[in-house]
């Protein structure tokens, strides 16, 4: 258990988490209402206003991430307070004893699962971002002229348009392949962690003892398996999106893809940097594992609030690309 006379600054710092959760909710809600108001002002619903639905899905990312981070904070609070509320009071170790260590392991697994669910939603938001970029590129493709032209020229123009449509479809398919791989990897890892943790937390005892033992024996192998898959999949997804962004820079000028891309993908970078910083002195030597987890999740709640403001700037409902999609 964490020493009650330990790191007092950290304890006070974590109490800010509920405040930043509420602030993030308010900012995300306000940003969402801006897009809804635009849709109502222009007339029609989501079908007549393409791009609004994907924008709202992406805008929700800071709120989803902050909720999961706050939930992870509460799991670490439970460990620090030696809580036995709910199913935690029935958690047993492999010897059948209801110990603090057994509760610690279950809460740590729940802590990790929360962030895996955040990664899953982030990969889903990246797919919506790519869809928007590809829709804008397609909407600004050269359209066939309606002016009267000689028959050979008309046939040549139709051939060019056909090739252009096929190229657009190919770019669309190739770009999404890497993102689909990333989506699938995040889904499998989150589903595996959610299932195994739920079995241990809510179906403990002799019925699941052998299953839990197998899970823990294979835990390291499973971790590195998903780590490798995630590295490959995320690299492919990000590489595909960046390539499209750079290749069609002119067509995407009014879309401002750089700001939107970073607002969608920056959480992954933040998590990676924070993990590295926690392994560097003095944090690595002055904090226990539980305190590191508590600090990580609490700080992420604040960062999600800042990210929600980045979304306000990046996802402006008055940008002209929404009108372009509506006209097409």
C-alpha atoms as a PDB file:
ATOM      1  CA  UNK A   1       0.000   0.000   0.000  1.00  0.00           C
ATOM      2  CA  UNK A   2       1.115   3.571  -0.655  1.00  0.00           C
ATOM      3  CA  UNK A   3       2.631   5.151   2.439  1.00  0.00           C
ATOM      4  CA  UNK A   4       0.121   7.655   3.949  1.00  0.00           C
ATOM      5  CA  UNK A   5       2.984  10.030   4.723  1.00  0.00           C
ATOM      6  CA  UNK A   6       4.249   9.980   1.148  1.00  0.00           C
ATOM      7  CA  UNK A   7       3.977  12.368  -1.715  1.00  0.00           C
ATOM      8  CA  UNK A   8       1.473  15.031  -0.508  1.00  0.00           C
ATOM      9  CA  UNK A   9       1.871  17.230  -3.603  1.00  0.00           C
ATOM     10  CA  UNK A  10       0.763  14.362  -5.824  1.00  0.00           C
ATOM     11  CA  UNK A  11      -2.325  13.768  -3.713  1.00  0.00           C
ATOM     12  CA  UNK A  12      -3.378  17.395  -4.024  1.00  0.00           C
ATOM     13  CA  UNK A  13      -2.564  17.362  -7.732  1.00  0.00           C
ATOM     14  CA  UNK A  14      -4.840  14.388  -8.399  1.00  0.00           C
ATOM     15  CA  UNK A  15      -7.781  16.188  -6.749  1.00  0.00           C
ATOM     16  CA  UNK A  16      -7.786  18.537  -9.775  1.00  0.00           C
ATOM     17  CA  UNK A  17      -8.842  15.666 -12.045  1.00  0.00           C
ATOM     18  CA  UNK A  18     -12.635  16.021 -11.494  1.00  0.00           C
ATOM     19  CA  UNK A  19     -12.384  19.759 -12.182  1.00  0.00           C
ATOM     20  CA  UNK A  20     -10.603  19.261 -15.511  1.00  0.00           C
ATOM     21  CA  UNK A  21     -13.025  16.493 -16.434  1.00  0.00           C
ATOM     22  CA  UNK A  22     -15.919  18.936 -16.001  1.00  0.00           C
ATOM     23  CA  UNK A  23     -14.079  21.681 -17.920  1.00  0.00           C
ATOM     24  CA  UNK A  24     -13.240  19.326 -20.778  1.00  0.00           C
ATOM     25  CA  UNK A  25     -16.873  18.265 -20.969  1.00  0.00           C
ATOM     26  CA  UNK A  26     -18.034  21.889 -21.183  1.00  0.00           C
ATOM     27  CA  UNK A  27     -15.531  22.835 -23.902  1.00  0.00           C
ATOM     28  CA  UNK A  28     -16.295  19.713 -25.967  1.00  0.00           C
ATOM     29  CA  UNK A  29     -20.030  20.274 -25.556  1.00  0.00           C
ATOM     30  CA  UNK A  30     -19.702  23.887 -26.673  1.00  0.00           C
ATOM     31  CA  UNK A  31     -17.656  22.869 -29.711  1.00  0.00           C
ATOM     32  CA  UNK A  32     -20.218  20.226 -30.634  1.00  0.00           C
ATOM     33  CA  UNK A  33     -23.087  22.712 -30.324  1.00  0.00           C
ATOM     34  CA  UNK A  34     -21.250  25.051 -32.732  1.00  0.00           C
ATOM     35  CA  UNK A  35     -21.387  22.356 -35.408  1.00  0.00           C
ATOM     36  CA  UNK A  36     -24.990  21.473 -34.639  1.00  0.00           C
ATOM     37  CA  UNK A  37     -25.943  25.154 -34.896  1.00  0.00           C
ATOM     38  CA  UNK A  38     -24.236  25.376 -38.298  1.00  0.00           C
ATOM     39  CA  UNK A  39     -26.183  22.367 -39.504  1.00  0.00           C
ATOM     40  CA  UNK A  40     -29.477  23.879 -38.339  1.00  0.00           C
ATOM     41  CA  UNK A  41     -28.603  27.246 -39.850  1.00  0.00           C
ATOM     42  CA  UNK A  42     -27.777  25.718 -43.245  1.00  0.00           C
ATOM     43  CA  UNK A  43     -30.889  23.543 -43.188  1.00  0.00           C
ATOM     44  CA  UNK A  44     -31.315  19.805 -43.346  1.00  0.00           C
ATOM     45  CA  UNK A  45     -29.918  17.110 -41.087  1.00  0.00           C
ATOM     46  CA  UNK A  46     -26.656  15.149 -41.157  1.00  0.00           C
ATOM     47  CA  UNK A  47     -27.386  13.672 -44.586  1.00  0.00           C
ATOM     48  CA  UNK A  48     -27.660  17.146 -46.144  1.00  0.00           C
ATOM     49  CA  UNK A  49     -24.554  18.361 -44.273  1.00  0.00           C
ATOM     50  CA  UNK A  50     -21.735  15.870 -44.976  1.00  0.00           C
ATOM     51  CA  UNK A  51     -18.692  16.280 -42.792  1.00  0.00           C
ATOM     52  CA  UNK A  52     -20.578  17.425 -39.693  1.00  0.00           C
ATOM     53  CA  UNK A  53     -21.025  13.893 -38.321  1.00  0.00           C
ATOM     54  CA  UNK A  54     -17.334  13.023 -38.671  1.00  0.00           C
ATOM     55  CA  UNK A  55     -16.326  16.366 -37.161  1.00  0.00           C
ATOM     56  CA  UNK A  56     -18.511  15.745 -34.114  1.00  0.00           C
ATOM     57  CA  UNK A  57     -17.064  12.238 -33.698  1.00  0.00           C
ATOM     58  CA  UNK A  58     -13.534  13.664 -33.683  1.00  0.00           C
ATOM     59  CA  UNK A  59     -14.458  16.568 -31.381  1.00  0.00           C
ATOM     60  CA  UNK A  60     -15.586  14.007 -28.789  1.00  0.00           C
ATOM     61  CA  UNK A  61     -12.047  12.551 -28.545  1.00  0.00           C
ATOM     62  CA  UNK A  62     -10.780  14.811 -25.701  1.00  0.00           C
ATOM     63  CA  UNK A  63     -13.935  14.107 -23.686  1.00  0.00           C
ATOM     64  CA  UNK A  64     -13.673  10.331 -24.163  1.00  0.00           C
ATOM     65  CA  UNK A  65      -9.966  10.375 -23.297  1.00  0.00           C
ATOM     66  CA  UNK A  66     -10.549  12.530 -20.206  1.00  0.00           C
ATOM     67  CA  UNK A  67     -13.324  10.232 -18.977  1.00  0.00           C
ATOM     68  CA  UNK A  68     -11.080   7.173 -19.321  1.00  0.00           C
ATOM     69  CA  UNK A  69      -8.165   9.006 -17.663  1.00  0.00           C
ATOM     70  CA  UNK A  70     -10.348  10.072 -14.749  1.00  0.00           C
ATOM     71  CA  UNK A  71     -11.591   6.517 -14.392  1.00  0.00           C
ATOM     72  CA  UNK A  72      -7.966   5.390 -14.188  1.00  0.00           C
ATOM     73  CA  UNK A  73      -7.340   8.031 -11.507  1.00  0.00           C
ATOM     74  CA  UNK A  74     -10.189   6.587  -9.436  1.00  0.00           C
ATOM     75  CA  UNK A  75      -8.736   3.085  -9.776  1.00  0.00           C
ATOM     76  CA  UNK A  76      -5.447   4.296  -8.325  1.00  0.00           C
ATOM     77  CA  UNK A  77      -7.319   6.126  -5.565  1.00  0.00           C
ATOM     78  CA  UNK A  78      -8.942   2.815  -4.662  1.00  0.00           C
ATOM     79  CA  UNK A  79      -5.521   1.206  -4.312  1.00  0.00           C
ATOM     80  CA  UNK A  80      -4.152   4.050  -2.200  1.00  0.00           C
ATOM     81  CA  UNK A  81      -7.206   3.885   0.091  1.00  0.00           C
ATOM     82  CA  UNK A  82      -7.227   0.065   0.171  1.00  0.00           C
ATOM     83  CA  UNK A  83     -10.833   0.167  -1.029  1.00  0.00           C
ATOM     84  CA  UNK A  84     -12.957  -2.987  -0.916  1.00  0.00           C
ATOM     85  CA  UNK A  85     -16.015  -1.444  -2.552  1.00  0.00           C
ATOM     86  CA  UNK A  86     -18.057  -3.631  -4.886  1.00  0.00           C
ATOM     87  CA  UNK A  87     -16.334  -6.548  -6.580  1.00  0.00           C
ATOM     88  CA  UNK A  88     -12.928  -5.511  -5.168  1.00  0.00           C
ATOM     89  CA  UNK A  89     -13.976  -6.958  -1.824  1.00  0.00           C
ATOM     90  CA  UNK A  90     -14.141 -10.430  -3.395  1.00  0.00           C
ATOM     91  CA  UNK A  91     -10.924 -10.417  -5.452  1.00  0.00           C
ATOM     92  CA  UNK A  92      -8.629 -13.322  -4.531  1.00  0.00           C
ATOM     93  CA  UNK A  93      -5.044 -14.233  -5.359  1.00  0.00           C
ATOM     94  CA  UNK A  94      -4.017 -17.639  -6.718  1.00  0.00           C
ATOM     95  CA  UNK A  95      -3.975 -19.058  -3.176  1.00  0.00           C
ATOM     96  CA  UNK A  96      -7.589 -18.015  -2.579  1.00  0.00           C
ATOM     97  CA  UNK A  97      -6.707 -15.142  -0.219  1.00  0.00           C
ATOM     98  CA  UNK A  98      -8.392 -11.742  -0.425  1.00  0.00           C
ATOM     99  CA  UNK A  99      -5.283  -9.566  -0.249  1.00  0.00           C
ATOM    100  CA  UNK A 100      -4.368  -5.997  -1.084  1.00  0.00           C
ATOM    101  CA  UNK A 101      -1.915  -7.242  -3.728  1.00  0.00           C
ATOM    102  CA  UNK A 102      -4.731  -9.087  -5.514  1.00  0.00           C
ATOM    103  CA  UNK A 103      -6.817  -5.907  -5.548  1.00  0.00           C
ATOM    104  CA  UNK A 104      -3.786  -3.946  -6.739  1.00  0.00           C
ATOM    105  CA  UNK A 105      -3.312  -6.240  -9.753  1.00  0.00           C
ATOM    106  CA  UNK A 106      -6.991  -6.054 -10.735  1.00  0.00           C
ATOM    107  CA  UNK A 107      -7.047  -2.248 -10.482  1.00  0.00           C
ATOM    108  CA  UNK A 108      -3.843  -1.988 -12.526  1.00  0.00           C
ATOM    109  CA  UNK A 109      -5.425  -4.145 -15.230  1.00  0.00           C
ATOM    110  CA  UNK A 110      -8.537  -1.938 -15.232  1.00  0.00           C
ATOM    111  CA  UNK A 111      -6.263   1.112 -15.374  1.00  0.00           C
ATOM    112  CA  UNK A 112      -4.545  -0.190 -18.515  1.00  0.00           C
ATOM    113  CA  UNK A 113      -7.837  -1.235 -20.103  1.00  0.00           C
ATOM    114  CA  UNK A 114      -9.183   2.309 -19.807  1.00  0.00           C
ATOM    115  CA  UNK A 115      -6.303   3.649 -21.886  1.00  0.00           C
ATOM    116  CA  UNK A 116      -6.673   0.861 -24.435  1.00  0.00           C
ATOM    117  CA  UNK A 117     -10.279   1.963 -24.936  1.00  0.00           C
ATOM    118  CA  UNK A 118      -8.985   5.505 -25.478  1.00  0.00           C
ATOM    119  CA  UNK A 119      -6.565   4.201 -28.123  1.00  0.00           C
ATOM    120  CA  UNK A 120      -9.450   2.412 -29.832  1.00  0.00           C
ATOM    121  CA  UNK A 121     -11.519   5.587 -30.047  1.00  0.00           C
ATOM    122  CA  UNK A 122      -8.480   7.552 -31.228  1.00  0.00           C
ATOM    123  CA  UNK A 123      -7.954   5.096 -34.087  1.00  0.00           C
ATOM    124  CA  UNK A 124     -11.652   5.465 -34.958  1.00  0.00           C
ATOM    125  CA  UNK A 125     -11.265   9.282 -34.979  1.00  0.00           C
ATOM    126  CA  UNK A 126      -8.265   8.934 -37.300  1.00  0.00           C
ATOM    127  CA  UNK A 127     -10.436   6.973 -39.745  1.00  0.00           C
ATOM    128  CA  UNK A 128     -13.012   9.785 -39.731  1.00  0.00           C
ATOM    129  CA  UNK A 129     -10.236  12.334 -40.342  1.00  0.00           C
ATOM    130  CA  UNK A 130      -8.965  10.352 -43.333  1.00  0.00           C
ATOM    131  CA  UNK A 131     -12.510   9.998 -44.689  1.00  0.00           C
ATOM    132  CA  UNK A 132     -12.989  13.764 -44.580  1.00  0.00           C
ATOM    133  CA  UNK A 133      -9.683  14.448 -46.336  1.00  0.00           C
ATOM    134  CA  UNK A 134     -10.458  11.919 -49.083  1.00  0.00           C
ATOM    135  CA  UNK A 135     -13.973  13.304 -49.560  1.00  0.00           C
ATOM    136  CA  UNK A 136     -12.560  16.811 -50.038  1.00  0.00           C
ATOM    137  CA  UNK A 137      -9.995  15.554 -52.555  1.00  0.00           C
ATOM    138  CA  UNK A 138     -12.722  13.754 -54.491  1.00  0.00           C
ATOM    139  CA  UNK A 139     -15.026  16.798 -54.427  1.00  0.00           C
ATOM    140  CA  UNK A 140     -12.307  18.963 -55.977  1.00  0.00           C
ATOM    141  CA  UNK A 141     -11.433  16.586 -58.780  1.00  0.00           C
ATOM    142  CA  UNK A 142     -11.754  17.907 -62.297  1.00  0.00           C
ATOM    143  CA  UNK A 143     -15.319  17.706 -63.549  1.00  0.00           C
ATOM    144  CA  UNK A 144     -16.189  17.091 -67.224  1.00  0.00           C
ATOM    145  CA  UNK A 145     -17.003  20.228 -69.173  1.00  0.00           C
ATOM    146  CA  UNK A 146     -20.519  20.645 -70.515  1.00  0.00           C
ATOM    147  CA  UNK A 147     -19.392  22.771 -73.452  1.00  0.00           C
ATOM    148  CA  UNK A 148     -19.742  21.349 -76.956  1.00  0.00           C
ATOM    149  CA  UNK A 149     -16.496  19.647 -78.018  1.00  0.00           C
ATOM    150  CA  UNK A 150     -15.541  17.476 -80.989  1.00  0.00           C
ATOM    151  CA  UNK A 151     -16.328  13.780 -80.626  1.00  0.00           C
ATOM    152  CA  UNK A 152     -12.680  12.596 -80.385  1.00  0.00           C
ATOM    153  CA  UNK A 153     -11.948  15.201 -77.714  1.00  0.00           C
ATOM    154  CA  UNK A 154     -15.083  14.185 -75.798  1.00  0.00           C
ATOM    155  CA  UNK A 155     -14.006  10.543 -75.823  1.00  0.00           C
ATOM    156  CA  UNK A 156     -10.516  11.519 -74.644  1.00  0.00           C
ATOM    157  CA  UNK A 157     -12.013  13.629 -71.848  1.00  0.00           C
ATOM    158  CA  UNK A 158     -14.211  10.729 -70.725  1.00  0.00           C
ATOM    159  CA  UNK A 159     -11.177   8.437 -70.682  1.00  0.00           C
ATOM    160  CA  UNK A 160      -9.227  10.902 -68.540  1.00  0.00           C
ATOM    161  CA  UNK A 161     -12.159  11.271 -66.130  1.00  0.00           C
ATOM    162  CA  UNK A 162     -12.501   7.502 -65.873  1.00  0.00           C
ATOM    163  CA  UNK A 163      -8.812   7.128 -65.051  1.00  0.00           C
ATOM    164  CA  UNK A 164      -9.048   9.944 -62.515  1.00  0.00           C
ATOM    165  CA  UNK A 165     -11.978   8.275 -60.772  1.00  0.00           C
ATOM    166  CA  UNK A 166     -10.091   4.979 -60.598  1.00  0.00           C
ATOM    167  CA  UNK A 167      -7.011   6.712 -59.210  1.00  0.00           C
ATOM    168  CA  UNK A 168      -9.147   8.451 -56.565  1.00  0.00           C
ATOM    169  CA  UNK A 169     -10.714   5.113 -55.590  1.00  0.00           C
ATOM    170  CA  UNK A 170      -7.256   3.511 -55.389  1.00  0.00           C
ATOM    171  CA  UNK A 171      -5.892   6.273 -53.154  1.00  0.00           C
ATOM    172  CA  UNK A 172      -8.979   5.947 -50.974  1.00  0.00           C
ATOM    173  CA  UNK A 173      -8.593   2.177 -50.610  1.00  0.00           C
ATOM    174  CA  UNK A 174      -4.827   2.225 -50.012  1.00  0.00           C
ATOM    175  CA  UNK A 175      -5.060   5.020 -47.438  1.00  0.00           C
ATOM    176  CA  UNK A 176      -7.764   3.252 -45.464  1.00  0.00           C
ATOM    177  CA  UNK A 177      -6.023  -0.143 -45.488  1.00  0.00           C
ATOM    178  CA  UNK A 178      -3.408   1.007 -42.983  1.00  0.00           C
ATOM    179  CA  UNK A 179      -6.036   2.704 -40.822  1.00  0.00           C
ATOM    180  CA  UNK A 180      -8.256  -0.395 -40.849  1.00  0.00           C
ATOM    181  CA  UNK A 181      -5.253  -2.408 -39.676  1.00  0.00           C
ATOM    182  CA  UNK A 182      -4.745   0.090 -36.849  1.00  0.00           C
ATOM    183  CA  UNK A 183      -8.469  -0.055 -35.958  1.00  0.00           C
ATOM    184  CA  UNK A 184      -8.398  -3.852 -35.878  1.00  0.00           C
ATOM    185  CA  UNK A 185      -5.274  -4.004 -33.727  1.00  0.00           C
ATOM    186  CA  UNK A 186      -6.667  -1.532 -31.176  1.00  0.00           C
ATOM    187  CA  UNK A 187      -9.981  -3.390 -31.102  1.00  0.00           C
ATOM    188  CA  UNK A 188      -8.370  -6.794 -30.507  1.00  0.00           C
ATOM    189  CA  UNK A 189      -6.102  -5.504 -27.737  1.00  0.00           C
ATOM    190  CA  UNK A 190      -8.898  -3.601 -25.992  1.00  0.00           C
ATOM    191  CA  UNK A 191     -11.314  -6.542 -26.296  1.00  0.00           C
ATOM    192  CA  UNK A 192      -8.725  -9.004 -24.937  1.00  0.00           C
ATOM    193  CA  UNK A 193      -7.852  -6.774 -21.974  1.00  0.00           C
ATOM    194  CA  UNK A 194     -11.487  -5.946 -21.231  1.00  0.00           C
ATOM    195  CA  UNK A 195     -12.539  -9.607 -21.324  1.00  0.00           C
ATOM    196  CA  UNK A 196      -9.698 -11.021 -19.221  1.00  0.00           C
ATOM    197  CA  UNK A 197      -9.913  -8.206 -16.654  1.00  0.00           C
ATOM    198  CA  UNK A 198     -13.702  -8.539 -16.354  1.00  0.00           C
ATOM    199  CA  UNK A 199     -13.414 -12.286 -15.796  1.00  0.00           C
ATOM    200  CA  UNK A 200     -10.917 -11.756 -12.986  1.00  0.00           C
ATOM    201  CA  UNK A 201     -12.764  -8.841 -11.395  1.00  0.00           C
ATOM    202  CA  UNK A 202     -16.347 -10.101 -11.582  1.00  0.00           C
ATOM    203  CA  UNK A 203     -16.089 -13.891 -11.994  1.00  0.00           C
ATOM    204  CA  UNK A 204     -13.301 -14.718  -9.580  1.00  0.00           C
ATOM    205  CA  UNK A 205     -12.950 -17.788  -7.399  1.00  0.00           C
ATOM    206  CA  UNK A 206     -12.392 -21.443  -8.227  1.00  0.00           C
ATOM    207  CA  UNK A 207     -14.432 -21.241 -11.434  1.00  0.00           C
ATOM    208  CA  UNK A 208     -11.916 -18.996 -13.200  1.00  0.00           C
ATOM    209  CA  UNK A 209      -8.708 -19.735 -11.264  1.00  0.00           C
ATOM    210  CA  UNK A 210      -7.104 -21.811 -14.044  1.00  0.00           C
ATOM    211  CA  UNK A 211      -8.127 -19.275 -16.682  1.00  0.00           C
ATOM    212  CA  UNK A 212      -6.579 -16.402 -14.696  1.00  0.00           C
ATOM    213  CA  UNK A 213      -3.364 -18.377 -14.179  1.00  0.00           C
ATOM    214  CA  UNK A 214      -3.057 -18.985 -17.933  1.00  0.00           C
ATOM    215  CA  UNK A 215      -3.666 -15.301 -18.612  1.00  0.00           C
ATOM    216  CA  UNK A 216      -0.882 -14.257 -16.240  1.00  0.00           C
ATOM    217  CA  UNK A 217       1.566 -16.856 -17.539  1.00  0.00           C
ATOM    218  CA  UNK A 218       1.101 -15.534 -21.069  1.00  0.00           C
ATOM    219  CA  UNK A 219       0.862 -11.875 -20.069  1.00  0.00           C
ATOM    220  CA  UNK A 220       4.363 -10.882 -21.202  1.00  0.00           C
ATOM    221  CA  UNK A 221       4.064 -12.667 -24.552  1.00  0.00           C
ATOM    222  CA  UNK A 222       0.650 -11.117 -25.216  1.00  0.00           C
ATOM    223  CA  UNK A 223       1.948  -7.656 -24.266  1.00  0.00           C
ATOM    224  CA  UNK A 224       4.833  -7.784 -26.744  1.00  0.00           C
ATOM    225  CA  UNK A 225       2.617  -9.334 -29.430  1.00  0.00           C
ATOM    226  CA  UNK A 226       0.177  -6.429 -29.297  1.00  0.00           C
ATOM    227  CA  UNK A 227       3.035  -3.946 -28.895  1.00  0.00           C
ATOM    228  CA  UNK A 228       4.564  -5.160 -32.159  1.00  0.00           C
ATOM    229  CA  UNK A 229       1.236  -5.195 -33.960  1.00  0.00           C
ATOM    230  CA  UNK A 230       0.411  -1.720 -32.688  1.00  0.00           C
ATOM    231  CA  UNK A 231       3.772  -0.289 -33.785  1.00  0.00           C
ATOM    232  CA  UNK A 232       3.386  -1.673 -37.309  1.00  0.00           C
ATOM    233  CA  UNK A 233      -0.285  -0.749 -37.653  1.00  0.00           C
ATOM    234  CA  UNK A 234       0.031   2.797 -36.271  1.00  0.00           C
ATOM    235  CA  UNK A 235       3.095   3.477 -38.467  1.00  0.00           C
ATOM    236  CA  UNK A 236       1.202   2.312 -41.549  1.00  0.00           C
ATOM    237  CA  UNK A 237      -1.894   4.351 -40.666  1.00  0.00           C
ATOM    238  CA  UNK A 238      -0.021   7.565 -39.876  1.00  0.00           C
ATOM    239  CA  UNK A 239       2.300   7.121 -42.872  1.00  0.00           C
ATOM    240  CA  UNK A 240      -0.636   6.745 -45.257  1.00  0.00           C
ATOM    241  CA  UNK A 241      -2.441   9.802 -43.901  1.00  0.00           C
ATOM    242  CA  UNK A 242       0.696  11.989 -43.990  1.00  0.00           C
ATOM    243  CA  UNK A 243       1.453  10.891 -47.578  1.00  0.00           C
ATOM    244  CA  UNK A 244      -2.039  11.876 -48.728  1.00  0.00           C
ATOM    245  CA  UNK A 245      -1.798  15.182 -46.853  1.00  0.00           C
ATOM    246  CA  UNK A 246       1.521  16.090 -48.503  1.00  0.00           C
ATOM    247  CA  UNK A 247       0.567  14.859 -51.987  1.00  0.00           C
ATOM    248  CA  UNK A 248      -2.748  16.731 -52.114  1.00  0.00           C
ATOM    249  CA  UNK A 249      -1.616  19.777 -50.177  1.00  0.00           C
ATOM    250  CA  UNK A 250      -3.197  22.230 -52.633  1.00  0.00           C
ATOM    251  CA  UNK A 251      -6.583  20.481 -52.692  1.00  0.00           C
ATOM    252  CA  UNK A 252      -6.617  20.348 -48.877  1.00  0.00           C
ATOM    253  CA  UNK A 253      -5.542  23.957 -48.314  1.00  0.00           C
ATOM    254  CA  UNK A 254      -8.881  25.174 -46.908  1.00  0.00           C
ATOM    255  CA  UNK A 255      -9.204  21.988 -44.819  1.00  0.00           C
ATOM    256  CA  UNK A 256      -6.067  22.862 -42.804  1.00  0.00           C
ATOM    257  CA  UNK A 257      -5.155  19.177 -42.402  1.00  0.00           C
ATOM    258  CA  UNK A 258      -2.045  19.667 -40.234  1.00  0.00           C
ATOM    259  CA  UNK A 259      -3.917  21.224 -37.307  1.00  0.00           C
ATOM    260  CA  UNK A 260      -6.694  18.658 -37.570  1.00  0.00           C
ATOM    261  CA  UNK A 261      -4.279  15.735 -37.851  1.00  0.00           C
ATOM    262  CA  UNK A 262      -2.371  16.763 -34.736  1.00  0.00           C
ATOM    263  CA  UNK A 263      -5.566  17.337 -32.793  1.00  0.00           C
ATOM    264  CA  UNK A 264      -6.579  13.778 -33.687  1.00  0.00           C
ATOM    265  CA  UNK A 265      -3.258  12.020 -33.135  1.00  0.00           C
ATOM    266  CA  UNK A 266      -1.387  14.027 -30.497  1.00  0.00           C
ATOM    267  CA  UNK A 267      -2.682  11.939 -27.570  1.00  0.00           C
ATOM    268  CA  UNK A 268      -0.504   9.024 -28.637  1.00  0.00           C
ATOM    269  CA  UNK A 269       2.595  11.252 -28.643  1.00  0.00           C
ATOM    270  CA  UNK A 270       1.700  12.753 -25.262  1.00  0.00           C
ATOM    271  CA  UNK A 271       1.314   9.319 -23.698  1.00  0.00           C
ATOM    272  CA  UNK A 272       4.641   8.151 -25.094  1.00  0.00           C
ATOM    273  CA  UNK A 273       6.532  11.236 -23.875  1.00  0.00           C
ATOM    274  CA  UNK A 274       4.981  11.025 -20.401  1.00  0.00           C
ATOM    275  CA  UNK A 275       5.905   7.359 -20.095  1.00  0.00           C
ATOM    276  CA  UNK A 276       9.532   8.203 -20.907  1.00  0.00           C
ATOM    277  CA  UNK A 277       9.623  11.118 -18.444  1.00  0.00           C
ATOM    278  CA  UNK A 278       8.383   8.904 -15.629  1.00  0.00           C
ATOM    279  CA  UNK A 279      11.420   6.665 -16.154  1.00  0.00           C
ATOM    280  CA  UNK A 280      13.855   9.564 -15.724  1.00  0.00           C
ATOM    281  CA  UNK A 281      15.083  10.788 -12.299  1.00  0.00           C
ATOM    282  CA  UNK A 282      13.808  12.287 -10.051  1.00  0.00           C
ATOM    283  CA  UNK A 283      10.353  10.910 -10.926  1.00  0.00           C
ATOM    284  CA  UNK A 284      11.635   7.372 -11.503  1.00  0.00           C
ATOM    285  CA  UNK A 285      13.286   7.227  -8.082  1.00  0.00           C
ATOM    286  CA  UNK A 286      10.853   9.223  -5.926  1.00  0.00           C
ATOM    287  CA  UNK A 287       7.557   7.681  -7.075  1.00  0.00           C
ATOM    288  CA  UNK A 288       6.250   4.150  -6.621  1.00  0.00           C
ATOM    289  CA  UNK A 289       4.534   2.338  -9.506  1.00  0.00           C
ATOM    290  CA  UNK A 290       1.115   3.278  -8.138  1.00  0.00           C
ATOM    291  CA  UNK A 291       2.125   6.929  -7.728  1.00  0.00           C
ATOM    292  CA  UNK A 292       3.502   6.995 -11.282  1.00  0.00           C
ATOM    293  CA  UNK A 293       0.215   5.657 -12.613  1.00  0.00           C
ATOM    294  CA  UNK A 294      -1.708   8.201 -10.540  1.00  0.00           C
ATOM    295  CA  UNK A 295       0.448  11.075 -11.783  1.00  0.00           C
ATOM    296  CA  UNK A 296       0.203   9.894 -15.415  1.00  0.00           C
ATOM    297  CA  UNK A 297      -3.601   9.683 -15.421  1.00  0.00           C
ATOM    298  CA  UNK A 298      -4.071  12.946 -13.492  1.00  0.00           C
ATOM    299  CA  UNK A 299      -1.780  14.877 -15.823  1.00  0.00           C
ATOM    300  CA  UNK A 300      -3.584  13.443 -18.835  1.00  0.00           C
ATOM    301  CA  UNK A 301      -6.877  14.874 -17.532  1.00  0.00           C
ATOM    302  CA  UNK A 302      -5.325  18.347 -17.685  1.00  0.00           C
ATOM    303  CA  UNK A 303      -3.860  17.701 -21.125  1.00  0.00           C
ATOM    304  CA  UNK A 304      -7.240  16.553 -22.427  1.00  0.00           C
ATOM    305  CA  UNK A 305      -8.673  19.922 -21.359  1.00  0.00           C
ATOM    306  CA  UNK A 306      -5.954  21.693 -23.358  1.00  0.00           C
ATOM    307  CA  UNK A 307      -6.583  19.331 -26.267  1.00  0.00           C
ATOM    308  CA  UNK A 308     -10.281  20.236 -26.243  1.00  0.00           C
ATOM    309  CA  UNK A 309      -9.284  23.861 -26.899  1.00  0.00           C
ATOM    310  CA  UNK A 310      -7.033  22.741 -29.751  1.00  0.00           C
ATOM    311  CA  UNK A 311     -10.104  21.055 -31.234  1.00  0.00           C
ATOM    312  CA  UNK A 312     -12.027  24.327 -30.927  1.00  0.00           C
ATOM    313  CA  UNK A 313      -9.330  26.028 -33.020  1.00  0.00           C
ATOM    314  CA  UNK A 314      -8.747  23.214 -35.517  1.00  0.00           C
ATOM    315  CA  UNK A 315     -12.386  22.233 -36.149  1.00  0.00           C
ATOM    316  CA  UNK A 316     -14.047  25.521 -37.062  1.00  0.00           C
ATOM    317  CA  UNK A 317     -17.634  24.937 -38.320  1.00  0.00           C
ATOM    318  CA  UNK A 318     -17.416  28.035 -40.551  1.00  0.00           C
ATOM    319  CA  UNK A 319     -14.660  26.700 -42.814  1.00  0.00           C
ATOM    320  CA  UNK A 320     -15.421  26.602 -46.545  1.00  0.00           C
ATOM    321  CA  UNK A 321     -14.682  22.901 -47.055  1.00  0.00           C
ATOM    322  CA  UNK A 322     -17.966  22.037 -45.328  1.00  0.00           C
ATOM    323  CA  UNK A 323     -19.785  24.096 -47.975  1.00  0.00           C
ATOM    324  CA  UNK A 324     -17.850  22.273 -50.713  1.00  0.00           C
ATOM    325  CA  UNK A 325     -18.957  18.895 -49.391  1.00  0.00           C
ATOM    326  CA  UNK A 326     -22.546  20.119 -49.085  1.00  0.00           C
ATOM    327  CA  UNK A 327     -22.621  21.295 -52.706  1.00  0.00           C
ATOM    328  CA  UNK A 328     -21.299  17.978 -53.959  1.00  0.00           C
END
